[in-house]
N, C-alpha and C. Protein backbone atom coordinates (compact mmCIF):
# COMPACT_ATOMS: atom_id res chain seq x y z
N MET A 1 25.41 -20.31 10.51
CA MET A 1 26.48 -18.79 9.71
C MET A 1 26.39 -18.39 8.96
N SER A 2 26.66 -17.01 8.88
CA SER A 2 26.88 -16.22 7.17
C SER A 2 27.55 -16.41 6.25
N ARG A 3 28.02 -16.82 5.40
CA ARG A 3 28.98 -17.33 3.88
C ARG A 3 29.89 -16.56 4.07
N ILE A 4 29.37 -15.17 4.49
CA ILE A 4 30.69 -13.95 4.55
C ILE A 4 30.72 -13.49 6.14
N ALA A 5 31.55 -13.48 6.88
CA ALA A 5 31.88 -13.56 8.64
C ALA A 5 31.45 -11.86 8.25
N PRO A 6 30.45 -11.46 9.68
CA PRO A 6 29.76 -10.77 9.85
C PRO A 6 30.85 -10.01 10.66
N LEU A 7 31.08 -8.14 11.03
CA LEU A 7 31.83 -7.80 11.83
C LEU A 7 31.38 -8.01 12.91
N GLU A 8 32.35 -8.11 14.11
CA GLU A 8 32.26 -8.65 15.37
C GLU A 8 32.37 -7.15 16.36
N PRO A 9 31.62 -7.21 17.33
CA PRO A 9 32.12 -5.74 18.26
C PRO A 9 33.22 -6.44 18.48
N PRO A 10 33.82 -4.77 19.57
CA PRO A 10 33.34 -3.55 19.66
C PRO A 10 33.70 -3.11 17.80
N TYR A 11 32.85 -2.25 17.58
CA TYR A 11 32.52 -1.77 16.37
C TYR A 11 33.40 -0.56 16.30
N ALA A 12 34.06 0.14 15.49
CA ALA A 12 34.41 1.13 15.07
C ALA A 12 33.68 2.63 15.25
N PRO A 13 34.01 3.65 15.84
CA PRO A 13 32.95 4.31 16.49
C PRO A 13 32.13 4.78 15.27
N GLU A 14 32.80 5.22 13.88
CA GLU A 14 31.99 5.65 12.54
C GLU A 14 30.65 4.29 12.64
N ILE A 15 30.89 3.85 12.48
CA ILE A 15 30.01 2.44 12.05
C ILE A 15 29.03 1.80 13.22
N GLN A 16 29.62 2.02 14.99
CA GLN A 16 28.93 2.18 15.87
C GLN A 16 27.72 3.27 15.80
N GLY A 17 27.78 4.12 15.35
CA GLY A 17 27.17 5.37 14.79
C GLY A 17 26.04 5.32 13.88
N GLN A 18 26.52 4.55 12.99
CA GLN A 18 25.75 4.22 11.64
C GLN A 18 24.56 3.20 12.08
N PHE A 19 25.04 2.01 13.08
CA PHE A 19 24.23 1.06 13.48
C PHE A 19 23.57 1.74 14.19
N ASP A 20 23.92 3.02 15.49
CA ASP A 20 22.68 3.27 16.53
C ASP A 20 21.52 3.89 15.55
N ARG A 21 22.46 4.37 14.76
CA ARG A 21 20.94 5.14 13.73
C ARG A 21 19.83 4.14 12.87
N ILE A 22 20.33 3.34 12.49
CA ILE A 22 19.61 2.87 11.67
C ILE A 22 18.74 2.16 12.35
N MET A 23 19.25 1.14 13.50
CA MET A 23 18.99 0.14 14.70
C MET A 23 18.61 1.29 16.07
N ARG A 24 18.39 2.56 16.11
CA ARG A 24 17.77 3.00 16.96
C ARG A 24 17.90 2.20 17.97
N GLY A 25 19.40 1.93 18.46
CA GLY A 25 20.06 1.40 20.01
C GLY A 25 19.58 0.62 20.02
N ALA A 26 19.08 -0.77 19.27
CA ALA A 26 18.89 -2.19 19.00
C ALA A 26 20.13 -2.85 18.35
N PRO A 27 20.23 -3.73 18.69
CA PRO A 27 22.00 -4.61 17.94
C PRO A 27 21.22 -4.41 16.63
N PRO A 28 23.04 -4.08 16.07
CA PRO A 28 22.65 -4.49 14.17
C PRO A 28 22.36 -5.88 13.85
N LEU A 29 21.54 -5.85 12.61
CA LEU A 29 21.38 -7.21 12.53
C LEU A 29 22.64 -7.96 11.57
N MET A 30 22.50 -8.88 11.51
CA MET A 30 23.07 -9.76 10.87
C MET A 30 23.83 -9.03 9.66
N LEU A 31 22.21 -9.03 8.44
CA LEU A 31 22.80 -8.77 7.18
C LEU A 31 23.20 -6.96 7.28
N PHE A 32 23.72 -6.25 7.96
CA PHE A 32 24.04 -5.26 8.67
C PHE A 32 25.88 -5.10 8.48
N ARG A 33 25.69 -6.22 9.48
CA ARG A 33 26.95 -6.66 10.05
C ARG A 33 28.20 -7.02 8.77
N VAL A 34 27.46 -7.94 8.09
CA VAL A 34 28.30 -8.84 7.05
C VAL A 34 28.18 -7.37 6.05
N ILE A 35 27.65 -6.89 5.48
CA ILE A 35 27.73 -5.95 4.42
C ILE A 35 28.86 -4.83 5.13
N ALA A 36 28.74 -4.22 6.37
CA ALA A 36 29.79 -3.49 7.12
C ALA A 36 31.20 -4.47 7.05
N SER A 37 31.19 -5.76 6.68
CA SER A 37 32.66 -6.45 7.13
C SER A 37 33.20 -5.47 5.56
N ASN A 38 32.33 -5.08 4.88
CA ASN A 38 33.18 -4.29 3.40
C ASN A 38 33.20 -3.21 3.40
N PRO A 39 33.92 -2.01 3.86
CA PRO A 39 33.76 -0.92 3.72
C PRO A 39 32.99 -0.25 2.81
N ARG A 40 33.72 -0.29 1.39
CA ARG A 40 33.15 0.06 -0.21
C ARG A 40 31.10 -0.69 -0.02
N ALA A 41 31.30 -1.70 0.22
CA ALA A 41 29.46 -2.37 0.03
C ALA A 41 28.89 -1.59 1.03
N TRP A 42 29.15 -1.83 2.39
CA TRP A 42 28.17 -1.00 3.12
C TRP A 42 28.22 0.96 3.00
N GLU A 43 29.41 1.51 2.51
CA GLU A 43 28.88 2.73 1.89
C GLU A 43 27.71 2.91 1.00
N LYS A 44 28.10 1.82 -0.05
CA LYS A 44 27.12 1.85 -1.24
C LYS A 44 25.95 1.25 -1.29
N PHE A 45 25.52 0.62 0.10
CA PHE A 45 24.43 0.17 0.80
C PHE A 45 23.34 1.37 1.63
N ARG A 46 24.27 1.78 2.21
CA ARG A 46 23.82 3.19 2.66
C ARG A 46 23.34 4.07 1.86
N SER A 47 23.96 4.52 0.60
CA SER A 47 24.01 5.73 0.15
C SER A 47 22.58 5.35 -0.97
N GLY A 48 22.76 4.42 -1.21
CA GLY A 48 21.97 3.43 -2.59
C GLY A 48 20.40 3.65 -1.49
N SER A 49 20.04 2.97 -0.37
CA SER A 49 19.35 2.56 0.30
C SER A 49 18.12 3.64 0.38
N LEU A 50 16.93 2.78 1.25
CA LEU A 50 15.66 3.41 1.50
C LEU A 50 15.21 3.13 2.46
N LEU A 51 16.49 3.62 3.84
CA LEU A 51 16.01 3.40 4.73
C LEU A 51 15.14 4.07 5.80
N ASP A 52 15.26 5.41 4.36
CA ASP A 52 14.41 6.78 5.13
C ASP A 52 13.15 6.51 4.82
N ARG A 53 12.09 7.30 5.31
CA ARG A 53 10.88 8.02 5.09
C ARG A 53 10.70 8.31 3.76
N GLY A 54 10.01 7.68 2.63
CA GLY A 54 9.72 8.57 1.53
C GLY A 54 8.07 8.76 1.68
N PRO A 55 7.88 8.62 0.18
CA PRO A 55 6.32 9.42 -0.04
C PRO A 55 5.03 8.32 0.69
N LEU A 56 5.35 7.06 0.56
CA LEU A 56 4.66 5.91 0.91
C LEU A 56 4.48 6.04 2.44
N SER A 57 2.81 5.47 2.48
CA SER A 57 2.79 5.45 4.43
C SER A 57 3.47 4.44 4.79
N LEU A 58 3.69 4.05 5.91
CA LEU A 58 4.02 2.89 6.59
C LEU A 58 3.63 2.03 5.93
N ARG A 59 2.39 2.04 5.84
CA ARG A 59 1.20 0.43 5.67
C ARG A 59 1.72 0.53 4.37
N GLU A 60 1.69 1.35 2.91
CA GLU A 60 1.98 0.93 2.37
C GLU A 60 3.49 0.02 1.37
N ARG A 61 4.42 1.06 2.33
CA ARG A 61 5.79 0.69 2.48
C ARG A 61 5.66 -0.85 2.45
N GLU A 62 5.11 -1.23 4.15
CA GLU A 62 5.19 -2.36 4.60
C GLU A 62 4.87 -3.42 3.47
N ILE A 63 3.80 -2.86 2.86
CA ILE A 63 3.34 -4.46 2.15
C ILE A 63 4.16 -4.52 0.68
N VAL A 64 4.68 -3.53 0.37
CA VAL A 64 5.42 -3.91 -0.91
C VAL A 64 6.64 -4.44 -0.55
N ILE A 65 7.33 -3.99 0.62
CA ILE A 65 8.47 -4.76 1.77
C ILE A 65 8.62 -6.72 1.56
N ASP A 66 7.35 -6.68 1.99
CA ASP A 66 7.16 -7.46 2.51
C ASP A 66 6.80 -8.70 1.18
N ARG A 67 6.02 -8.30 0.38
CA ARG A 67 5.31 -8.82 -0.52
C ARG A 67 6.69 -9.42 -1.85
N THR A 68 7.50 -8.12 -1.98
CA THR A 68 8.71 -8.23 -2.52
C THR A 68 9.93 -9.63 -1.70
N CYS A 69 10.01 -9.01 -0.52
CA CYS A 69 10.64 -10.65 0.07
C CYS A 69 10.04 -12.00 0.28
N ALA A 70 8.76 -11.86 -0.08
CA ALA A 70 8.05 -12.78 0.13
C ALA A 70 8.35 -13.65 -1.40
N LEU A 71 8.13 -12.59 -2.43
CA LEU A 71 7.81 -13.64 -3.99
C LEU A 71 9.78 -13.91 -3.70
N ASN A 72 10.24 -13.32 -3.43
CA ASN A 72 12.08 -13.83 -3.47
C ASN A 72 12.41 -14.97 -2.35
N GLY A 73 11.56 -15.16 -1.47
CA GLY A 73 11.32 -15.80 -1.33
C GLY A 73 12.32 -15.92 0.19
N CYS A 74 12.80 -14.88 0.50
CA CYS A 74 13.87 -14.32 1.66
C CYS A 74 12.83 -14.42 3.06
N GLU A 75 13.05 -15.36 4.01
CA GLU A 75 12.42 -15.05 5.20
C GLU A 75 13.21 -14.33 5.90
N TYR A 76 14.45 -14.18 5.70
CA TYR A 76 15.19 -13.41 6.72
C TYR A 76 14.40 -12.15 7.04
N GLU A 77 14.92 -11.12 5.65
CA GLU A 77 14.40 -9.66 5.67
C GLU A 77 12.47 -9.85 5.92
N TRP A 78 11.42 -10.48 5.51
CA TRP A 78 10.12 -10.74 5.71
C TRP A 78 10.16 -10.94 7.06
N GLY A 79 10.81 -11.50 7.64
CA GLY A 79 10.44 -11.57 9.06
C GLY A 79 11.13 -10.65 10.39
N VAL A 80 11.94 -9.84 9.81
CA VAL A 80 12.68 -8.81 10.34
C VAL A 80 11.70 -7.64 10.20
N HIS A 81 10.82 -7.12 9.23
CA HIS A 81 10.41 -6.21 9.08
C HIS A 81 8.82 -6.38 9.02
N VAL A 82 8.25 -8.04 9.73
CA VAL A 82 7.10 -7.97 10.10
C VAL A 82 7.16 -7.58 11.84
N ALA A 83 8.17 -8.71 12.01
CA ALA A 83 8.46 -8.09 13.85
C ALA A 83 8.58 -6.76 14.06
N THR A 84 9.29 -6.23 13.12
CA THR A 84 9.65 -4.59 13.36
C THR A 84 8.02 -3.92 13.09
N PHE A 85 7.56 -3.97 12.38
CA PHE A 85 6.72 -2.77 11.65
C PHE A 85 4.90 -3.34 11.98
N VAL A 86 4.91 -4.59 11.78
CA VAL A 86 3.27 -5.21 11.51
C VAL A 86 2.54 -4.36 12.78
N GLU A 87 2.50 -4.00 13.59
CA GLU A 87 1.98 -2.86 14.85
C GLU A 87 1.62 -1.30 14.23
N ALA A 88 2.76 -0.25 13.92
CA ALA A 88 2.76 0.68 13.52
C ALA A 88 2.20 0.34 12.19
N ALA A 89 1.92 -0.38 11.29
CA ALA A 89 1.79 0.18 10.39
C ALA A 89 0.24 -0.85 9.82
N ARG A 90 0.18 -1.07 10.92
CA ARG A 90 -1.51 -1.81 11.13
C ARG A 90 -2.02 -3.09 9.73
N LEU A 91 -0.84 -3.95 10.15
CA LEU A 91 -1.09 -5.09 9.53
C LEU A 91 -1.55 -6.82 10.03
N SER A 92 -2.56 -7.33 9.39
CA SER A 92 -4.03 -7.70 10.17
C SER A 92 -3.22 -9.20 10.30
N GLU A 93 -3.13 -9.72 11.35
CA GLU A 93 -2.65 -11.57 10.72
C GLU A 93 -2.93 -11.47 9.27
N ALA A 94 -3.91 -11.18 8.58
CA ALA A 94 -4.49 -12.39 7.42
C ALA A 94 -3.93 -11.26 6.37
N GLU A 95 -3.64 -10.21 6.47
CA GLU A 95 -2.67 -9.53 5.68
C GLU A 95 -1.30 -10.27 5.89
N ILE A 96 -0.53 -10.34 6.57
CA ILE A 96 0.16 -10.71 6.66
C ILE A 96 0.84 -11.90 5.91
N ARG A 97 -0.12 -12.84 6.55
CA ARG A 97 -0.29 -14.21 5.82
C ARG A 97 0.17 -14.11 4.04
N ALA A 98 -1.16 -13.08 3.80
CA ALA A 98 -1.21 -13.07 2.51
C ALA A 98 -0.30 -12.25 1.63
N THR A 99 0.83 -11.52 2.13
CA THR A 99 1.57 -10.94 1.59
C THR A 99 3.01 -12.97 1.12
N VAL A 100 2.64 -13.65 1.72
CA VAL A 100 3.12 -14.98 1.69
C VAL A 100 2.34 -15.50 0.68
N ARG A 101 1.08 -15.81 1.24
CA ARG A 101 0.30 -17.17 1.07
C ARG A 101 -1.00 -16.79 -0.31
N GLU A 102 -0.87 -15.57 -0.29
CA GLU A 102 -2.20 -15.07 -1.70
C GLU A 102 -1.70 -14.46 -2.86
N GLY A 103 -2.52 -14.27 -3.06
CA GLY A 103 -2.34 -13.10 -4.46
C GLY A 103 -2.72 -12.11 -4.48
N ALA A 104 -2.51 -11.28 -5.17
CA ALA A 104 -2.86 -9.58 -5.03
C ALA A 104 -4.33 -9.04 -5.09
N ASP A 105 -4.87 -10.63 -5.60
CA ASP A 105 -6.76 -10.18 -5.18
C ASP A 105 -6.70 -11.26 -4.05
N ALA A 106 -6.71 -11.11 -2.65
CA ALA A 106 -7.22 -11.46 -1.47
C ALA A 106 -7.88 -10.65 -0.80
N ALA A 107 -9.12 -11.29 -0.33
CA ALA A 107 -10.17 -10.49 0.30
C ALA A 107 -9.44 -9.33 1.06
N CYS A 108 -8.40 -9.71 1.83
CA CYS A 108 -8.03 -9.01 3.11
C CYS A 108 -7.54 -7.38 2.46
N TRP A 109 -7.49 -7.02 1.58
CA TRP A 109 -6.85 -5.66 0.38
C TRP A 109 -8.05 -4.66 -0.13
N THR A 110 -7.88 -3.58 0.38
CA THR A 110 -8.84 -2.33 -0.37
C THR A 110 -8.40 -2.60 -1.74
N ASP A 111 -8.96 -1.76 -2.61
CA ASP A 111 -9.00 -1.74 -3.91
C ASP A 111 -7.20 -1.54 -4.30
N ALA A 112 -6.66 -0.31 -3.73
CA ALA A 112 -5.65 0.65 -3.74
C ALA A 112 -4.74 -0.42 -3.37
N GLU A 113 -4.92 -1.54 -2.59
CA GLU A 113 -3.55 -2.21 -1.99
C GLU A 113 -3.47 -3.35 -3.10
N ARG A 114 -4.65 -3.83 -3.71
CA ARG A 114 -4.93 -4.66 -4.64
C ARG A 114 -3.88 -3.94 -6.21
N ALA A 115 -3.95 -3.37 -6.47
CA ALA A 115 -3.66 -2.73 -7.33
C ALA A 115 -1.86 -2.33 -7.28
N LEU A 116 -1.41 -1.83 -5.60
CA LEU A 116 -0.18 -2.24 -5.21
C LEU A 116 0.35 -3.48 -5.36
N LEU A 117 -0.16 -4.38 -4.49
CA LEU A 117 0.19 -5.62 -4.91
C LEU A 117 0.41 -6.14 -6.31
N ALA A 118 -0.64 -5.91 -7.18
CA ALA A 118 -0.36 -6.59 -8.34
C ALA A 118 0.97 -6.19 -9.40
N ALA A 119 1.20 -4.99 -8.70
CA ALA A 119 2.54 -3.28 -9.54
C ALA A 119 3.18 -4.92 -8.89
N VAL A 120 3.80 -4.53 -7.43
CA VAL A 120 4.88 -5.50 -7.13
C VAL A 120 4.92 -7.27 -7.74
N ASP A 121 3.87 -7.87 -8.03
CA ASP A 121 3.93 -9.03 -8.83
C ASP A 121 4.60 -8.72 -9.46
N ALA A 122 4.03 -8.36 -10.77
CA ALA A 122 4.15 -7.55 -12.17
C ALA A 122 5.81 -7.44 -12.00
N LEU A 123 6.40 -6.46 -11.45
CA LEU A 123 7.64 -6.07 -11.44
C LEU A 123 8.50 -7.46 -11.46
N HIS A 124 7.78 -7.99 -10.17
CA HIS A 124 8.80 -9.54 -9.88
C HIS A 124 9.19 -10.78 -10.61
N ALA A 125 7.91 -10.61 -11.93
CA ALA A 125 7.93 -11.38 -12.50
C ALA A 125 7.95 -11.01 -13.47
N ARG A 126 8.08 -9.60 -14.39
CA ARG A 126 8.18 -9.70 -15.75
C ARG A 126 9.38 -8.26 -15.90
N SER A 127 9.21 -7.57 -14.65
CA SER A 127 10.23 -6.46 -14.59
C SER A 127 9.61 -5.14 -15.16
N THR A 128 8.46 -5.18 -15.41
CA THR A 128 7.57 -4.35 -15.53
C THR A 128 6.24 -3.76 -15.79
N LEU A 129 5.32 -3.18 -15.81
CA LEU A 129 3.81 -3.29 -16.09
C LEU A 129 3.60 -3.07 -17.22
N SER A 130 1.98 -3.99 -17.22
CA SER A 130 1.20 -3.47 -18.37
C SER A 130 0.74 -2.62 -18.68
N ASP A 131 -0.16 -1.28 -19.35
CA ASP A 131 -0.12 -0.52 -19.37
C ASP A 131 -1.44 -0.55 -18.81
N ASP A 132 -2.57 -1.25 -18.58
CA ASP A 132 -3.51 -1.88 -18.17
C ASP A 132 -2.91 -1.99 -16.13
N GLU A 133 -1.99 -2.52 -15.76
CA GLU A 133 -1.83 -2.42 -13.87
C GLU A 133 -0.71 -1.05 -14.22
N PHE A 134 -0.62 -0.14 -14.97
CA PHE A 134 0.24 0.89 -14.60
C PHE A 134 -0.87 1.78 -14.35
N SER A 135 -1.93 1.90 -15.08
CA SER A 135 -3.25 2.49 -15.09
C SER A 135 -4.00 3.06 -14.01
N LYS A 136 -4.19 1.21 -13.30
CA LYS A 136 -4.62 1.22 -12.01
C LYS A 136 -4.12 1.54 -10.54
N LEU A 137 -2.85 0.91 -11.29
CA LEU A 137 -1.53 1.94 -9.90
C LEU A 137 -1.92 3.52 -9.82
N ALA A 138 -1.89 4.17 -11.07
CA ALA A 138 -2.12 5.59 -10.99
C ALA A 138 -3.24 6.39 -10.81
N SER A 139 -4.42 5.35 -10.62
CA SER A 139 -5.35 5.53 -10.26
C SER A 139 -5.79 5.74 -8.75
N HIS A 140 -4.49 5.31 -8.15
CA HIS A 140 -4.49 5.37 -6.49
C HIS A 140 -3.29 6.12 -6.09
N TYR A 141 -2.28 6.01 -6.81
CA TYR A 141 -0.81 6.92 -6.04
C TYR A 141 -0.74 7.62 -6.97
N SER A 142 0.50 9.06 -6.94
CA SER A 142 0.96 9.65 -7.40
C SER A 142 2.38 9.00 -8.20
N GLY A 143 2.23 10.03 -8.87
CA GLY A 143 4.23 10.11 -9.72
C GLY A 143 5.20 9.32 -8.78
N ALA A 144 5.48 10.14 -7.49
CA ALA A 144 6.32 10.47 -6.71
C ALA A 144 5.88 8.89 -5.61
N LYS A 145 4.99 8.35 -5.35
CA LYS A 145 5.00 7.23 -5.05
C LYS A 145 4.95 5.70 -5.76
N ILE A 146 4.41 5.77 -6.97
CA ILE A 146 5.15 4.80 -8.14
C ILE A 146 6.52 4.72 -8.57
N LEU A 147 7.26 5.91 -8.05
CA LEU A 147 8.56 6.43 -8.34
C LEU A 147 9.44 5.60 -6.57
N GLU A 148 8.60 5.37 -5.78
CA GLU A 148 9.03 4.79 -4.82
C GLU A 148 8.87 3.55 -4.53
N ILE A 149 7.50 3.19 -4.89
CA ILE A 149 7.33 1.38 -5.21
C ILE A 149 8.36 0.57 -6.33
N PHE A 150 8.36 1.04 -7.91
CA PHE A 150 9.92 0.60 -7.92
C PHE A 150 11.16 0.78 -7.59
N LEU A 151 11.34 1.46 -6.71
CA LEU A 151 12.77 1.52 -5.86
C LEU A 151 12.52 0.66 -5.19
N LEU A 152 11.37 0.74 -4.12
CA LEU A 152 11.36 -0.38 -3.23
C LEU A 152 11.72 -1.88 -4.16
N CYS A 153 11.10 -2.14 -4.71
CA CYS A 153 11.13 -3.37 -5.21
C CYS A 153 12.52 -3.87 -5.21
N GLY A 154 13.07 -3.01 -5.86
CA GLY A 154 14.57 -3.34 -6.99
C GLY A 154 15.38 -3.64 -5.00
N PHE A 155 15.00 -2.66 -4.47
CA PHE A 155 16.32 -2.49 -3.53
C PHE A 155 15.83 -3.83 -2.73
N TYR A 156 14.79 -4.20 -2.23
CA TYR A 156 14.31 -5.03 -1.54
C TYR A 156 14.85 -6.41 -2.32
N ARG A 157 14.34 -6.33 -3.55
CA ARG A 157 15.13 -8.02 -4.34
C ARG A 157 16.52 -7.67 -4.19
N THR A 158 17.29 -6.72 -4.25
CA THR A 158 18.76 -6.96 -3.97
C THR A 158 19.09 -7.37 -2.63
N VAL A 159 18.74 -7.23 -1.41
CA VAL A 159 18.31 -7.06 -0.25
C VAL A 159 17.90 -8.83 -0.01
N SER A 160 17.15 -9.38 -0.76
CA SER A 160 16.84 -10.41 -0.88
C SER A 160 17.67 -11.33 -1.39
N TYR A 161 18.59 -11.11 -2.16
CA TYR A 161 19.86 -11.67 -3.04
C TYR A 161 20.58 -12.09 -1.68
N LEU A 162 20.79 -11.00 -1.11
CA LEU A 162 22.12 -10.83 -0.37
C LEU A 162 21.59 -11.44 0.90
N ALA A 163 20.73 -11.50 1.29
CA ALA A 163 20.33 -12.83 2.63
C ALA A 163 20.36 -13.70 2.45
N ASN A 164 19.41 -14.53 1.13
CA ASN A 164 19.62 -15.60 0.16
C ASN A 164 20.75 -15.86 0.06
N GLY A 165 21.46 -15.14 -0.69
CA GLY A 165 22.94 -15.93 -1.23
C GLY A 165 23.90 -15.78 -0.14
N LEU A 166 23.30 -15.28 0.96
CA LEU A 166 24.93 -15.65 2.20
C LEU A 166 24.31 -16.52 2.98
N ARG A 167 22.68 -16.83 3.05
CA ARG A 167 22.56 -17.69 3.84
C ARG A 167 22.45 -17.69 5.24
N LEU A 168 22.32 -16.43 5.53
CA LEU A 168 21.76 -15.81 6.88
C LEU A 168 21.23 -16.52 7.93
N PRO A 169 21.49 -16.73 9.00
CA PRO A 169 20.50 -17.55 9.58
C PRO A 169 19.10 -16.25 10.40
N LEU A 170 18.29 -16.78 10.46
CA LEU A 170 17.07 -15.99 10.85
C LEU A 170 17.58 -15.12 12.11
N GLU A 171 16.92 -13.78 12.60
CA GLU A 171 17.05 -12.99 13.54
C GLU A 171 16.30 -13.69 14.73
N GLU A 172 17.00 -14.00 15.78
CA GLU A 172 16.11 -14.36 16.76
C GLU A 172 14.78 -14.06 17.00
N LYS A 173 14.58 -12.87 16.79
CA LYS A 173 12.78 -12.13 17.13
C LYS A 173 12.47 -11.92 15.86
N ALA A 174 13.09 -12.48 14.79
CA ALA A 174 12.04 -12.16 13.38
C ALA A 174 10.47 -13.23 13.32
N ALA A 175 9.70 -12.55 12.73
CA ALA A 175 8.22 -13.52 12.54
C ALA A 175 9.13 -14.51 11.31
N ARG A 176 8.43 -15.54 10.88
CA ARG A 176 8.77 -16.82 10.70
C ARG A 176 7.77 -16.73 9.35
N PHE A 177 7.81 -17.40 7.77
CA PHE A 177 6.72 -17.40 6.95
C PHE A 177 5.79 -18.17 7.95
N PRO A 178 4.17 -17.95 7.12
CA PRO A 178 2.96 -18.64 7.66
C PRO A 178 2.90 -20.15 7.19
N GLY A 179 2.70 -20.79 7.97
CA GLY A 179 2.77 -22.66 7.23
C GLY A 179 1.58 -22.74 6.23
């Protein structure tokens, strides 16, 4: 069980509507239920989040999110994203495994994806990119995409802190880290 009690149904109509929009009718994740137990935290999370479409393709977005969560040891959020988006993002089993178990130079990635993963790794390790890392990233991605990459890394690091710090139980239908 979570270290902070989640909201339990029935939810207030406004909260139910928000859950429905985010989850597209599926039951709300434990993470959302815990954060929504504090109205201020829920409002800040929703207003500052990146739960909408941005300039990255779904595949690029999921690579960033999966790698960020894996680097933070957040099986909860990694597993939710893998289970939910792997098919639509066209990520292979080897690529999913590589987000957890291999470096940015794994053979399964394109040159652009290697630059993307190297940037995620650098941001995680040092909170910055070297000039060379930025140059490689910029050779494949526009300024708008680079800003989105940075924002996604920071947001999903925060999500990882929440899920790990709360010791959220893994969602039933979520993927598990590869062995």
